[in-house]
Amino acid sequence: PDEYLAKYVATQTDVKILSWKGHCEVHERFTADELLAY
């Protein structure tokens, strides 16, 4: 059910990936801006 894992897998294969909008509440809180600031 992890939407972000599915999107990552889609970048690693030619198979068309259909996903679900499930998220981990820990991992989804991170942002690119936050990490670039670090």
All heavy atoms as atom14 arrays in JSON, in Angstrom:
{
  "sequence": "PDEYLAKYVATQTDVKILSWKGHCEVHERFTADELLAY",
  "atom14_mask": [
    [1, 1, 1, 1, 1, 1, 1, 0, 0, 0, 0, 0, 0, 0],
    [1, 1, 1, 1, 1, 1, 1, 1, 0, 0, 0, 0, 0, 0],
    [1, 1, 1, 1, 1, 1, 1, 1, 1, 0, 0, 0, 0, 0],
    [1, 1, 1, 1, 1, 1, 1, 1, 1, 1, 1, 1, 0, 0],
    [1, 1, 1, 1, 1, 1, 1, 1, 0, 0, 0, 0, 0, 0],
    [1, 1, 1, 1, 1, 0, 0, 0, 0, 0, 0, 0, 0, 0],
    [1, 1, 1, 1, 1, 1, 1, 1, 1, 0, 0, 0, 0, 0],
    [1, 1, 1, 1, 1, 1, 1, 1, 1, 1, 1, 1, 0, 0],
    [1, 1, 1, 1, 1, 1, 1, 0, 0, 0, 0, 0, 0, 0],
    [1, 1, 1, 1, 1, 0, 0, 0, 0, 0, 0, 0, 0, 0],
    [1, 1, 1, 1, 1, 1, 1, 0, 0, 0, 0, 0, 0, 0],
    [1, 1, 1, 1, 1, 1, 1, 1, 1, 0, 0, 0, 0, 0],
    [1, 1, 1, 1, 1, 1, 1, 0, 0, 0, 0, 0, 0, 0],
    [1, 1, 1, 1, 1, 1, 1, 1, 0, 0, 0, 0, 0, 0],
    [1, 1, 1, 1, 1, 1, 1, 0, 0, 0, 0, 0, 0, 0],
    [1, 1, 1, 1, 1, 1, 1, 1, 1, 0, 0, 0, 0, 0],
    [1, 1, 1, 1, 1, 1, 1, 1, 0, 0, 0, 0, 0, 0],
    [1, 1, 1, 1, 1, 1, 1, 1, 0, 0, 0, 0, 0, 0],
    [1, 1, 1, 1, 1, 1, 0, 0, 0, 0, 0, 0, 0, 0],
    [1, 1, 1, 1, 1, 1, 1, 1, 1, 1, 1, 1, 1, 1],
    [1, 1, 1, 1, 1, 1, 1, 1, 1, 0, 0, 0, 0, 0],
    [1, 1, 1, 1, 0, 0, 0, 0, 0, 0, 0, 0, 0, 0],
    [1, 1, 1, 1, 1, 1, 1, 1, 1, 1, 0, 0, 0, 0],
    [1, 1, 1, 1, 1, 1, 0, 0, 0, 0, 0, 0, 0, 0],
    [1, 1, 1, 1, 1, 1, 1, 1, 1, 0, 0, 0, 0, 0],
    [1, 1, 1, 1, 1, 1, 1, 0, 0, 0, 0, 0, 0, 0],
    [1, 1, 1, 1, 1, 1, 1, 1, 1, 1, 0, 0, 0, 0],
    [1, 1, 1, 1, 1, 1, 1, 1, 1, 0, 0, 0, 0, 0],
    [1, 1, 1, 1, 1, 1, 1, 1, 1, 1, 1, 0, 0, 0],
    [1, 1, 1, 1, 1, 1, 1, 1, 1, 1, 1, 0, 0, 0],
    [1, 1, 1, 1, 1, 1, 1, 0, 0, 0, 0, 0, 0, 0],
    [1, 1, 1, 1, 1, 0, 0, 0, 0, 0, 0, 0, 0, 0],
    [1, 1, 1, 1, 1, 1, 1, 1, 0, 0, 0, 0, 0, 0],
    [1, 1, 1, 1, 1, 1, 1, 1, 1, 0, 0, 0, 0, 0],
    [1, 1, 1, 1, 1, 1, 1, 1, 0, 0, 0, 0, 0, 0],
    [1, 1, 1, 1, 1, 1, 1, 1, 0, 0, 0, 0, 0, 0],
    [1, 1, 1, 1, 1, 0, 0, 0, 0, 0, 0, 0, 0, 0],
    [1, 1, 1, 1, 1, 1, 1, 1, 1, 1, 1, 1, 0, 0]
  ],
  "atom14_positions": [
    [[0.79, -1.23, 0.0], [0.0, 0.0, 0.0], [0.83, 1.28, 0.0], [0.28, 2.36, -0.05], [-0.77, -0.11, 1.32], [0.23, -0.75, 2.24], [1.01, -1.73, 1.37], [0.0, 0.0, 0.0], [0.0, 0.0, 0.0], [0.0, 0.0, 0.0], [0.0, 0.0, 0.0], [0.0, 0.0, 0.0], [0.0, 0.0, 0.0], [0.0, 0.0, 0.0]],
    [[2.19, 1.18, 0.05], [3.0, 2.38, 0.22], [3.18, 3.11, -1.12], [3.86, 2.61, -2.02], [4.37, 2.03, 0.8], [5.12, 3.26, 1.27], [5.49, 4.07, 0.41], [5.33, 3.42, 2.49], [0.0, 0.0, 0.0], [0.0, 0.0, 0.0], [0.0, 0.0, 0.0], [0.0, 0.0, 0.0], [0.0, 0.0, 0.0], [0.0, 0.0, 0.0]],
    [[2.57, 4.27, -1.23], [2.63, 5.04, -2.48], [4.05, 5.42, -2.84], [4.45, 5.34, -4.01], [1.77, 6.3, -2.34], [1.79, 7.18, -3.58], [1.03, 8.48, -3.39], [0.84, 8.9, -2.23], [0.65, 9.08, -4.41], [0.0, 0.0, 0.0], [0.0, 0.0, 0.0], [0.0, 0.0, 0.0], [0.0, 0.0, 0.0], [0.0, 0.0, 0.0]],
    [[4.84, 5.82, -1.84], [6.18, 6.29, -2.14], [7.12, 5.14, -2.51], [7.97, 5.28, -3.39], [6.74, 7.08, -0.96], [5.96, 8.34, -0.66], [5.77, 8.77, 0.66], [5.39, 9.09, -1.68], [5.05, 9.93, 0.93], [4.67, 10.25, -1.42], [4.51, 10.66, -0.1], [3.8, 11.8, 0.16], [0.0, 0.0, 0.0], [0.0, 0.0, 0.0]],
    [[6.97, 4.0, -1.85], [7.75, 2.84, -2.25], [7.41, 2.46, -3.7], [8.3, 2.15, -4.5], [7.5, 1.66, -1.32], [8.18, 0.34, -1.71], [9.7, 0.48, -1.68], [7.73, -0.8, -0.8], [0.0, 0.0, 0.0], [0.0, 0.0, 0.0], [0.0, 0.0, 0.0], [0.0, 0.0, 0.0], [0.0, 0.0, 0.0], [0.0, 0.0, 0.0]],
    [[6.12, 2.48, -4.02], [5.69, 2.15, -5.38], [6.3, 3.11, -6.4], [6.76, 2.7, -7.47], [4.17, 2.17, -5.47], [0.0, 0.0, 0.0], [0.0, 0.0, 0.0], [0.0, 0.0, 0.0], [0.0, 0.0, 0.0], [0.0, 0.0, 0.0], [0.0, 0.0, 0.0], [0.0, 0.0, 0.0], [0.0, 0.0, 0.0], [0.0, 0.0, 0.0]],
    [[6.33, 4.4, -6.08], [6.91, 5.38, -6.99], [8.41, 5.16, -7.15], [8.96, 5.32, -8.25], [6.63, 6.8, -6.48], [5.18, 7.23, -6.66], [4.97, 8.69, -6.26], [3.54, 9.13, -6.56], [3.31, 10.55, -6.23], [0.0, 0.0, 0.0], [0.0, 0.0, 0.0], [0.0, 0.0, 0.0], [0.0, 0.0, 0.0], [0.0, 0.0, 0.0]],
    [[9.07, 4.79, -6.06], [10.5, 4.49, -6.15], [10.74, 3.27, -7.02], [11.63, 3.27, -7.89], [11.08, 4.27, -4.75], [12.54, 3.88, -4.78], [13.52, 4.81, -5.09], [12.92, 2.56, -4.53], [14.86, 4.45, -5.13], [14.26, 2.18, -4.56], [15.22, 3.14, -4.87], [16.54, 2.77, -4.92], [0.0, 0.0, 0.0], [0.0, 0.0, 0.0]],
    [[9.96, 2.21, -6.82], [10.09, 1.0, -7.63], [9.89, 1.33, -9.1], [10.6, 0.81, -9.98], [9.1, -0.08, -7.17], [9.05, -1.25, -8.14], [9.46, -0.58, -5.77], [0.0, 0.0, 0.0], [0.0, 0.0, 0.0], [0.0, 0.0, 0.0], [0.0, 0.0, 0.0], [0.0, 0.0, 0.0], [0.0, 0.0, 0.0], [0.0, 0.0, 0.0]],
    [[8.94, 2.22, -9.39], [8.65, 2.6, -10.79], [9.86, 3.22, -11.47], [10.0, 3.12, -12.7], [7.46, 3.54, -10.84], [0.0, 0.0, 0.0], [0.0, 0.0, 0.0], [0.0, 0.0, 0.0], [0.0, 0.0, 0.0], [0.0, 0.0, 0.0], [0.0, 0.0, 0.0], [0.0, 0.0, 0.0], [0.0, 0.0, 0.0], [0.0, 0.0, 0.0]],
    [[10.75, 3.84, -10.69], [11.96, 4.44, -11.28], [13.04, 3.41, -11.55], [14.03, 3.72, -12.21], [12.54, 5.54, -10.36], [13.06, 4.93, -9.16], [11.49, 6.58, -10.0], [0.0, 0.0, 0.0], [0.0, 0.0, 0.0], [0.0, 0.0, 0.0], [0.0, 0.0, 0.0], [0.0, 0.0, 0.0], [0.0, 0.0, 0.0], [0.0, 0.0, 0.0]],
    [[12.85, 2.2, -11.02], [13.87, 1.16, -11.13], [13.49, 0.04, -12.1], [14.24, -0.92, -12.25], [14.13, 0.55, -9.74], [14.43, 1.55, -8.64], [15.72, 2.31, -8.88], [16.77, 1.7, -9.09], [15.65, 3.63, -8.85], [0.0, 0.0, 0.0], [0.0, 0.0, 0.0], [0.0, 0.0, 0.0], [0.0, 0.0, 0.0], [0.0, 0.0, 0.0]],
    [[12.33, 0.13, -12.74], [11.86, -0.96, -13.6], [11.04, -0.38, -14.75], [10.53, 0.74, -14.67], [11.0, -1.96, -12.8], [10.56, -3.02, -13.66], [9.79, -1.29, -12.18], [0.0, 0.0, 0.0], [0.0, 0.0, 0.0], [0.0, 0.0, 0.0], [0.0, 0.0, 0.0], [0.0, 0.0, 0.0], [0.0, 0.0, 0.0], [0.0, 0.0, 0.0]],
    [[10.9, -1.18, -15.81], [10.05, -0.8, -16.94], [8.61, -1.24, -16.75], [7.74, -0.9, -17.55], [10.6, -1.42, -18.25], [11.93, -0.82, -18.65], [12.17, 0.37, -18.34], [12.74, -1.54, -19.27], [0.0, 0.0, 0.0], [0.0, 0.0, 0.0], [0.0, 0.0, 0.0], [0.0, 0.0, 0.0], [0.0, 0.0, 0.0], [0.0, 0.0, 0.0]],
    [[8.34, -2.0, -15.7], [6.98, -2.45, -15.41], [6.14, -1.25, -14.96], [6.6, -0.42, -14.16], [6.98, -3.53, -14.32], [5.55, -3.97, -13.98], [7.82, -4.73, -14.75], [0.0, 0.0, 0.0], [0.0, 0.0, 0.0], [0.0, 0.0, 0.0], [0.0, 0.0, 0.0], [0.0, 0.0, 0.0], [0.0, 0.0, 0.0], [0.0, 0.0, 0.0]],
    [[4.91, -1.15, -15.46], [4.0, -0.09, -15.02], [3.51, -0.42, -13.61], [2.99, -1.51, -13.37], [2.82, 0.05, -15.97], [1.84, 1.15, -15.57], [0.67, 1.24, -16.53], [-0.31, 2.32, -16.11], [-1.48, 2.39, -17.03], [0.0, 0.0, 0.0], [0.0, 0.0, 0.0], [0.0, 0.0, 0.0], [0.0, 0.0, 0.0], [0.0, 0.0, 0.0]],
    [[3.69, 0.51, -12.69], [3.34, 0.28, -11.29], [2.07, 1.05, -10.93], [2.01, 2.28, -11.07], [4.48, 0.71, -10.35], [5.79, 0.01, -10.72], [4.1, 0.43, -8.9], [5.78, -1.49, -10.57], [0.0, 0.0, 0.0], [0.0, 0.0, 0.0], [0.0, 0.0, 0.0], [0.0, 0.0, 0.0], [0.0, 0.0, 0.0], [0.0, 0.0, 0.0]],
    [[1.08, 0.32, -10.47], [-0.14, 0.94, -9.93], [-0.01, 0.94, -8.42], [0.44, -0.04, -7.82], [-1.38, 0.15, -10.36], [-1.58, -0.04, -11.87], [-2.82, -0.88, -12.14], [-1.67, 1.31, -12.57], [0.0, 0.0, 0.0], [0.0, 0.0, 0.0], [0.0, 0.0, 0.0], [0.0, 0.0, 0.0], [0.0, 0.0, 0.0], [0.0, 0.0, 0.0]],
    [[-0.42, 2.04, -7.78], [-0.15, 2.18, -6.34], [-1.41, 2.49, -5.55], [-2.5, 2.65, -6.09], [0.89, 3.28, -6.11], [0.4, 4.53, -6.55], [0.0, 0.0, 0.0], [0.0, 0.0, 0.0], [0.0, 0.0, 0.0], [0.0, 0.0, 0.0], [0.0, 0.0, 0.0], [0.0, 0.0, 0.0], [0.0, 0.0, 0.0], [0.0, 0.0, 0.0]],
    [[-1.23, 2.57, -4.25], [-2.26, 2.89, -3.26], [-1.71, 4.07, -2.46], [-0.5, 4.24, -2.36], [-2.49, 1.68, -2.36], [-3.55, 1.83, -1.31], [-3.37, 2.1, 0.01], [-4.96, 1.64, -1.48], [-4.56, 2.1, 0.68], [-5.56, 1.83, -0.21], [-5.77, 1.34, -2.57], [-6.94, 1.73, -0.02], [-7.14, 1.23, -2.37], [-7.71, 1.43, -1.12]],
    [[-2.58, 4.87, -1.87], [-2.09, 6.07, -1.17], [-1.86, 5.84, 0.32], [-2.33, 6.59, 1.16], [-3.06, 7.24, -1.39], [-2.96, 7.84, -2.79], [-3.65, 9.18, -2.87], [-3.46, 9.84, -4.23], [-2.06, 10.19, -4.48], [0.0, 0.0, 0.0], [0.0, 0.0, 0.0], [0.0, 0.0, 0.0], [0.0, 0.0, 0.0], [0.0, 0.0, 0.0]],
    [[-1.12, 4.8, 0.63], [-0.72, 4.58, 2.01], [0.65, 5.18, 2.27], [1.5, 5.21, 1.37], [0.0, 0.0, 0.0], [0.0, 0.0, 0.0], [0.0, 0.0, 0.0], [0.0, 0.0, 0.0], [0.0, 0.0, 0.0], [0.0, 0.0, 0.0], [0.0, 0.0, 0.0], [0.0, 0.0, 0.0], [0.0, 0.0, 0.0], [0.0, 0.0, 0.0]],
    [[0.86, 5.68, 3.49], [2.14, 6.3, 3.84], [2.55, 5.91, 5.25], [1.71, 5.67, 6.1], [2.05, 7.84, 3.76], [1.65, 8.36, 2.43], [0.7, 9.34, 2.27], [2.06, 8.04, 1.18], [0.55, 9.61, 0.98], [1.35, 8.82, 0.29], [0.0, 0.0, 0.0], [0.0, 0.0, 0.0], [0.0, 0.0, 0.0], [0.0, 0.0, 0.0]],
    [[3.86, 5.9, 5.47], [4.41, 5.77, 6.82], [4.45, 7.16, 7.44], [5.02, 8.09, 6.86], [5.81, 5.17, 6.76], [6.74, 5.35, 8.3], [0.0, 0.0, 0.0], [0.0, 0.0, 0.0], [0.0, 0.0, 0.0], [0.0, 0.0, 0.0], [0.0, 0.0, 0.0], [0.0, 0.0, 0.0], [0.0, 0.0, 0.0], [0.0, 0.0, 0.0]],
    [[3.86, 7.32, 8.61], [3.78, 8.65, 9.23], [5.14, 9.2, 9.64], [5.27, 10.41, 9.86], [2.84, 8.63, 10.42], [3.29, 7.77, 11.59], [2.23, 7.69, 12.67], [2.13, 8.63, 13.48], [1.5, 6.67, 12.69], [0.0, 0.0, 0.0], [0.0, 0.0, 0.0], [0.0, 0.0, 0.0], [0.0, 0.0, 0.0], [0.0, 0.0, 0.0]],
    [[6.14, 8.35, 9.77], [7.49, 8.83, 10.07], [8.16, 9.34, 8.8], [8.61, 10.48, 8.72], [8.35, 7.72, 10.71], [9.8, 8.17, 10.83], [7.81, 7.35, 12.08], [0.0, 0.0, 0.0], [0.0, 0.0, 0.0], [0.0, 0.0, 0.0], [0.0, 0.0, 0.0], [0.0, 0.0, 0.0], [0.0, 0.0, 0.0], [0.0, 0.0, 0.0]],
    [[8.2, 8.51, 7.77], [8.94, 8.87, 6.56], [8.28, 10.0, 5.76], [8.98, 10.78, 5.11], [9.12, 7.63, 5.68], [10.01, 6.6, 6.29], [9.52, 5.46, 6.9], [11.36, 6.54, 6.42], [10.53, 4.74, 7.35], [11.66, 5.37, 7.08], [0.0, 0.0, 0.0], [0.0, 0.0, 0.0], [0.0, 0.0, 0.0], [0.0, 0.0, 0.0]],
    [[6.96, 10.09, 5.81], [6.31, 11.12, 5.0], [6.5, 12.53, 5.57], [6.25, 13.51, 4.89], [4.81, 10.83, 4.86], [3.99, 11.02, 6.12], [2.49, 10.85, 5.88], [2.07, 10.88, 4.7], [1.76, 10.68, 6.86], [0.0, 0.0, 0.0], [0.0, 0.0, 0.0], [0.0, 0.0, 0.0], [0.0, 0.0, 0.0], [0.0, 0.0, 0.0]],
    [[6.99, 12.63, 6.81], [7.18, 13.95, 7.42], [8.44, 14.65, 6.93], [8.58, 15.86, 7.09], [7.23, 13.84, 8.95], [5.9, 13.47, 9.58], [5.85, 13.91, 11.05], [6.88, 13.31, 11.86], [6.72, 12.21, 12.6], [5.57, 11.57, 12.57], [7.7, 11.74, 13.34], [0.0, 0.0, 0.0], [0.0, 0.0, 0.0], [0.0, 0.0, 0.0]],
    [[9.38, 13.91, 6.37], [10.61, 14.53, 5.89], [10.34, 15.34, 4.62], [9.49, 14.97, 3.8], [11.67, 13.46, 5.58], [12.2, 12.75, 6.79], [11.71, 11.5, 7.15], [13.18, 13.33, 7.57], [12.2, 10.84, 8.27], [13.68, 12.68, 8.69], [13.2, 11.43, 9.04], [0.0, 0.0, 0.0], [0.0, 0.0, 0.0], [0.0, 0.0, 0.0]],
    [[11.07, 16.44, 4.46], [10.94, 17.26, 3.27], [12.32, 17.5, 2.65], [13.34, 17.47, 3.34], [10.31, 18.63, 3.58], [11.23, 19.39, 4.39], [8.98, 18.47, 4.32], [0.0, 0.0, 0.0], [0.0, 0.0, 0.0], [0.0, 0.0, 0.0], [0.0, 0.0, 0.0], [0.0, 0.0, 0.0], [0.0, 0.0, 0.0], [0.0, 0.0, 0.0]],
    [[12.31, 17.79, 1.35], [13.56, 18.07, 0.66], [14.2, 19.35, 1.19], [15.43, 19.41, 1.38], [13.31, 18.18, -0.85], [0.0, 0.0, 0.0], [0.0, 0.0, 0.0], [0.0, 0.0, 0.0], [0.0, 0.0, 0.0], [0.0, 0.0, 0.0], [0.0, 0.0, 0.0], [0.0, 0.0, 0.0], [0.0, 0.0, 0.0], [0.0, 0.0, 0.0]],
    [[13.39, 20.37, 1.44], [13.93, 21.64, 1.95], [14.64, 21.45, 3.28], [15.71, 22.02, 3.53], [12.82, 22.67, 2.1], [12.3, 23.18, 0.76], [13.01, 22.98, -0.25], [11.21, 23.78, 0.73], [0.0, 0.0, 0.0], [0.0, 0.0, 0.0], [0.0, 0.0, 0.0], [0.0, 0.0, 0.0], [0.0, 0.0, 0.0], [0.0, 0.0, 0.0]],
    [[14.05, 20.63, 4.15], [14.65, 20.34, 5.45], [16.02, 19.69, 5.28], [17.01, 20.08, 5.92], [13.71, 19.42, 6.23], [14.27, 18.8, 7.49], [13.4, 17.68, 8.03], [12.53, 17.18, 7.3], [13.61, 17.31, 9.2], [0.0, 0.0, 0.0], [0.0, 0.0, 0.0], [0.0, 0.0, 0.0], [0.0, 0.0, 0.0], [0.0, 0.0, 0.0]],
    [[16.1, 18.72, 4.39], [17.35, 18.0, 4.21], [18.42, 18.87, 3.54], [19.61, 18.78, 3.89], [17.11, 16.73, 3.4], [16.13, 15.73, 4.04], [15.95, 14.51, 3.16], [16.59, 15.32, 5.43], [0.0, 0.0, 0.0], [0.0, 0.0, 0.0], [0.0, 0.0, 0.0], [0.0, 0.0, 0.0], [0.0, 0.0, 0.0], [0.0, 0.0, 0.0]],
    [[18.01, 19.69, 2.6], [18.97, 20.6, 1.96], [19.52, 21.6, 2.97], [20.7, 21.98, 2.9], [18.3, 21.32, 0.79], [18.0, 20.43, -0.44], [17.16, 21.19, -1.45], [19.29, 19.92, -1.07], [0.0, 0.0, 0.0], [0.0, 0.0, 0.0], [0.0, 0.0, 0.0], [0.0, 0.0, 0.0], [0.0, 0.0, 0.0], [0.0, 0.0, 0.0]],
    [[18.69, 22.01, 3.91], [19.15, 22.92, 4.96], [20.19, 22.23, 5.84], [21.2, 22.84, 6.24], [17.97, 23.41, 5.8], [0.0, 0.0, 0.0], [0.0, 0.0, 0.0], [0.0, 0.0, 0.0], [0.0, 0.0, 0.0], [0.0, 0.0, 0.0], [0.0, 0.0, 0.0], [0.0, 0.0, 0.0], [0.0, 0.0, 0.0], [0.0, 0.0, 0.0]],
    [[19.98, 20.96, 6.15], [20.97, 20.2, 6.91], [22.28, 20.1, 6.14], [23.37, 20.21, 6.71], [20.45, 18.8, 7.23], [19.58, 18.71, 8.45], [18.21, 18.49, 8.35], [20.13, 18.84, 9.73], [17.4, 18.4, 9.47], [19.33, 18.75, 10.86], [17.97, 18.54, 10.73], [17.17, 18.46, 11.84], [0.0, 0.0, 0.0], [0.0, 0.0, 0.0]]
  ]
}
